[in-house]
Protein backbone atom coordinates (compact mmCIF):
# COMPACT_ATOMS: atom_id res chain seq x y z
CA UNK A 1 99.32 -26.56 -51.56
CA UNK A 2 99.45 -30.08 -53.04
CA UNK A 3 96.64 -32.54 -52.44
CA UNK A 4 98.84 -34.41 -49.93
CA UNK A 5 99.29 -32.60 -46.64
CA UNK A 6 101.48 -34.14 -43.97
CA UNK A 7 100.17 -34.54 -40.44
CA UNK A 8 102.66 -31.92 -39.29
CA UNK A 9 101.47 -29.37 -41.85
CA UNK A 10 97.84 -30.19 -41.06
CA UNK A 11 98.51 -29.49 -37.39
CA UNK A 12 99.85 -26.02 -38.18
CA UNK A 13 97.02 -25.21 -40.59
CA UNK A 14 94.39 -26.35 -38.10
CA UNK A 15 96.07 -24.41 -35.30
CA UNK A 16 96.15 -21.30 -37.50
CA UNK A 17 92.48 -21.63 -38.42
CA UNK A 18 91.38 -22.16 -34.81
CA UNK A 19 93.52 -19.31 -33.48
CA UNK A 20 92.40 -16.79 -36.10
CA UNK A 21 88.80 -17.73 -35.33
CA UNK A 22 89.32 -17.02 -31.60
CA UNK A 23 91.14 -13.72 -32.27
CA UNK A 24 88.39 -12.56 -34.65
CA UNK A 25 85.66 -13.50 -32.19
CA UNK A 26 87.46 -11.71 -29.37
CA UNK A 27 88.07 -8.66 -31.57
CA UNK A 28 84.34 -7.89 -31.51
CA UNK A 29 84.43 -7.41 -27.72
CA UNK A 30 86.66 -4.47 -26.76
CA UNK A 31 87.19 -5.55 -23.14
CA UNK A 32 88.06 -9.13 -24.09
CA UNK A 33 90.34 -8.01 -26.89
CA UNK A 34 92.23 -5.68 -24.58
CA UNK A 35 92.67 -8.63 -22.24
CA UNK A 36 93.96 -10.82 -25.08
CA UNK A 37 96.33 -8.10 -26.28
CA UNK A 38 97.65 -7.71 -22.74
CA UNK A 39 98.21 -11.46 -22.50
CA UNK A 40 100.09 -11.48 -25.82
CA UNK A 41 102.32 -8.58 -24.84
CA UNK A 42 103.02 -9.91 -21.34
CA UNK A 43 104.00 -13.28 -22.81
CA UNK A 44 106.46 -11.59 -25.17
CA UNK A 45 108.07 -9.67 -22.33
CA UNK A 46 108.20 -12.66 -19.98
CA UNK A 47 109.60 -14.94 -22.70
CA UNK A 48 112.29 -12.39 -23.51
CA UNK A 49 113.25 -12.34 -19.85
CA UNK A 50 113.01 -16.12 -19.35
CA UNK A 51 114.59 -17.40 -22.57
CA UNK A 52 116.50 -14.45 -23.99
CA UNK A 53 114.53 -14.70 -27.24
CA UNK A 54 112.67 -11.81 -28.84
CA UNK A 55 109.82 -13.62 -30.57
CA UNK A 56 109.50 -10.79 -33.10
CA UNK A 57 112.91 -11.62 -34.59
CA UNK A 58 113.40 -15.38 -34.66
CA UNK A 59 114.97 -15.60 -38.12
CA UNK A 60 118.33 -17.34 -37.85
CA UNK A 61 120.59 -14.63 -39.42
CA UNK A 62 119.34 -11.96 -36.99
CA UNK A 63 119.60 -14.34 -34.06
CA UNK A 64 123.13 -15.45 -34.89
CA UNK A 65 124.19 -11.82 -35.28
CA UNK A 66 122.67 -11.05 -31.88
CA UNK A 67 124.51 -14.00 -30.33
CA UNK A 68 127.77 -12.63 -31.71
CA UNK A 69 127.14 -9.31 -29.96
CA UNK A 70 125.75 -10.81 -26.74
CA UNK A 71 127.36 -14.28 -26.39
CA UNK A 72 126.65 -14.72 -22.67
CA UNK A 73 123.11 -16.02 -23.10
CA UNK A 74 122.77 -19.82 -22.51
CA UNK A 75 122.61 -21.97 -25.62
CA UNK A 76 122.89 -21.08 -29.29
CA UNK A 77 120.13 -19.08 -30.94
CA UNK A 78 118.52 -22.12 -32.69
CA UNK A 79 118.58 -23.98 -29.37
CA UNK A 80 116.87 -21.08 -27.61
CA UNK A 81 114.24 -20.83 -30.37
CA UNK A 82 113.45 -24.54 -29.92
CA UNK A 83 113.26 -23.99 -26.17
CA UNK A 84 110.94 -21.03 -26.75
CA UNK A 85 108.60 -23.04 -28.96
CA UNK A 86 108.53 -25.87 -26.44
CA UNK A 87 107.67 -23.36 -23.72
CA UNK A 88 104.81 -21.98 -25.85
CA UNK A 89 103.46 -25.51 -26.33
CA UNK A 90 103.59 -26.03 -22.57
CA UNK A 91 101.79 -22.75 -21.83
CA UNK A 92 99.05 -23.65 -24.29
CA UNK A 93 98.67 -27.18 -22.91
CA UNK A 94 98.67 -26.07 -19.27
CA UNK A 95 96.08 -23.37 -19.95
CA UNK A 96 93.81 -25.78 -21.85
CA UNK A 97 94.17 -28.34 -19.05
CA UNK A 98 92.82 -25.76 -16.62
CA UNK A 99 89.78 -25.27 -18.84
CA UNK A 100 89.11 -29.01 -19.06
CA UNK A 101 89.48 -29.79 -15.36
CA UNK A 102 86.42 -30.45 -13.26
CA UNK A 103 84.94 -27.20 -12.06
CA UNK A 104 86.20 -26.37 -8.55
CA UNK A 105 83.92 -25.25 -5.75
CA UNK A 106 83.99 -21.49 -6.19
CA UNK A 107 81.66 -18.69 -7.13
CA UNK A 108 80.46 -18.38 -10.72
CA UNK A 109 82.23 -15.03 -11.11
CA UNK A 110 85.56 -16.42 -9.86
CA UNK A 111 85.27 -19.49 -12.06
CA UNK A 112 84.49 -17.43 -15.17
CA UNK A 113 87.39 -15.09 -14.42
CA UNK A 114 89.84 -18.01 -14.16
CA UNK A 115 88.43 -19.66 -17.30
CA UNK A 116 88.70 -16.48 -19.38
CA UNK A 117 92.26 -15.87 -18.14
CA UNK A 118 93.27 -19.42 -19.08
CA UNK A 119 91.76 -19.01 -22.54
CA UNK A 120 93.65 -15.73 -23.04
CA UNK A 121 96.97 -17.35 -22.03
CA UNK A 122 96.34 -20.27 -24.37
CA UNK A 123 95.51 -17.98 -27.29
CA UNK A 124 98.48 -15.74 -26.58
CA UNK A 125 100.78 -18.77 -26.65
CA UNK A 126 99.33 -19.84 -29.99
CA UNK A 127 99.69 -16.36 -31.48
CA UNK A 128 103.40 -16.35 -30.68
CA UNK A 129 103.85 -20.02 -31.60
CA UNK A 130 102.42 -19.38 -35.06
CA UNK A 131 104.35 -16.13 -35.41
CA UNK A 132 107.61 -17.87 -34.52
CA UNK A 133 107.02 -20.97 -36.62
CA UNK A 134 106.01 -18.95 -39.70
CA UNK A 135 109.35 -17.13 -39.51
CA UNK A 136 111.31 -20.36 -39.05
CA UNK A 137 109.58 -22.14 -41.95
CA UNK A 138 110.10 -19.15 -44.23
CA UNK A 139 113.79 -18.97 -43.30
CA UNK A 140 114.29 -22.68 -43.98
CA UNK A 141 112.63 -22.40 -47.40
CA UNK A 142 111.59 -26.07 -47.36
CA UNK A 143 107.82 -25.46 -47.29
CA UNK A 144 107.10 -22.31 -49.30
CA UNK A 145 103.35 -22.94 -49.60
CA UNK A 146 102.95 -23.53 -45.87
CA UNK A 147 105.11 -20.49 -45.08
CA UNK A 148 102.92 -18.30 -47.32
CA UNK A 149 99.69 -19.46 -45.68
CA UNK A 150 101.06 -19.10 -42.16
CA UNK A 151 102.47 -15.65 -42.84
CA UNK A 152 99.14 -14.49 -44.25
CA UNK A 153 97.38 -15.76 -41.15
CA UNK A 154 99.94 -14.21 -38.82
CA UNK A 155 99.63 -10.87 -40.62
CA UNK A 156 95.86 -11.07 -40.25
CA UNK A 157 96.11 -11.62 -36.50
CA UNK A 158 98.65 -8.88 -35.97
CA UNK A 159 96.62 -6.42 -38.02
CA UNK A 160 93.87 -6.83 -35.41
CA UNK A 161 96.26 -6.81 -32.45
CA UNK A 162 97.97 -3.72 -33.86
CA UNK A 163 94.71 -1.80 -33.48
CA UNK A 164 95.41 -1.68 -29.74
CA UNK A 165 97.82 0.98 -28.53
CA UNK A 166 100.54 0.20 -26.00
CA UNK A 167 98.98 2.53 -23.43
CA UNK A 168 95.62 0.75 -23.74
CA UNK A 169 96.98 -2.68 -22.84
CA UNK A 170 99.16 -1.72 -19.87
CA UNK A 171 96.63 -2.76 -17.20
CA UNK A 172 95.94 -6.17 -18.73
CA UNK A 173 99.61 -6.79 -19.50
CA UNK A 174 100.43 -6.13 -15.84
CA UNK A 175 97.75 -8.64 -14.89
CA UNK A 176 99.21 -11.43 -17.05
CA UNK A 177 102.92 -10.90 -16.54
CA UNK A 178 104.23 -13.41 -14.04
CA UNK A 179 101.58 -16.02 -14.89
CA UNK A 180 103.62 -17.80 -17.59
CA UNK A 181 106.87 -18.74 -15.83
CA UNK A 182 107.67 -19.31 -12.19
CA UNK A 183 109.70 -16.43 -10.84
CA UNK A 184 109.52 -14.38 -14.06
CA UNK A 185 107.58 -11.12 -13.93
CA UNK A 186 108.33 -8.29 -16.36
CA UNK A 187 107.90 -4.97 -14.63
CA UNK A 188 108.36 -2.50 -16.11
CA UNK A 189 107.62 -3.62 -19.67
CA UNK A 190 108.94 -1.98 -22.82
CA UNK A 191 106.03 -0.38 -24.75
CA UNK A 192 108.29 0.05 -27.80
CA UNK A 193 108.05 -3.72 -28.31
CA UNK A 194 104.35 -3.37 -29.16
CA UNK A 195 102.93 -4.03 -31.67
CA UNK A 196 104.80 -6.40 -33.95
CA UNK A 197 104.30 -5.79 -37.71
CA UNK A 198 105.06 -9.02 -39.61
CA UNK A 199 104.36 -7.39 -42.97
CA UNK A 200 107.45 -5.20 -42.57
CA UNK A 201 109.35 -7.36 -40.07
CA UNK A 202 110.08 -4.56 -37.64
CA UNK A 203 108.61 -2.48 -34.87
CA UNK A 204 105.66 -0.22 -35.48
């Protein structure tokens, strides 16, 4: 990239670096990584139910084609993608706020459980936020260097997440579904939606 990096681009690069670092660190702990994978999958399923957007396919041509076939969903596809990204921001912010609040009067085990769950929801939101934004930037073609870097990072994250089979994350996904949106709980979930493979742009 050029020597000048806008504040917006810097935000995305910093977010990518921080998120990859968390995913890599979590990857070394099987139990934690299964929890993270469950949080990521549950968020996909809940977002699909809440916003009518499949975060694996947020490129405009595919979305417009889907709208043509299923026109009853509220808002145009670009509007729903913006709504989805705003929702991901909110999930990340809310989860981080929980981590930064003064520690409530509860047992150490309960506190740690809530803190870890909040961190997993925050990271899951960032994984999908980066995945979605990388697709949008690539489709727009206005920032090819940024799109390349983001897509490399997204592929790196999903290569690790893809090491977890759908059957292995069912318990954790069931734990996290319903914690992202009020009144939205995805049961049953569709195991065919896991994992996402950004390097080929389709289901595994």
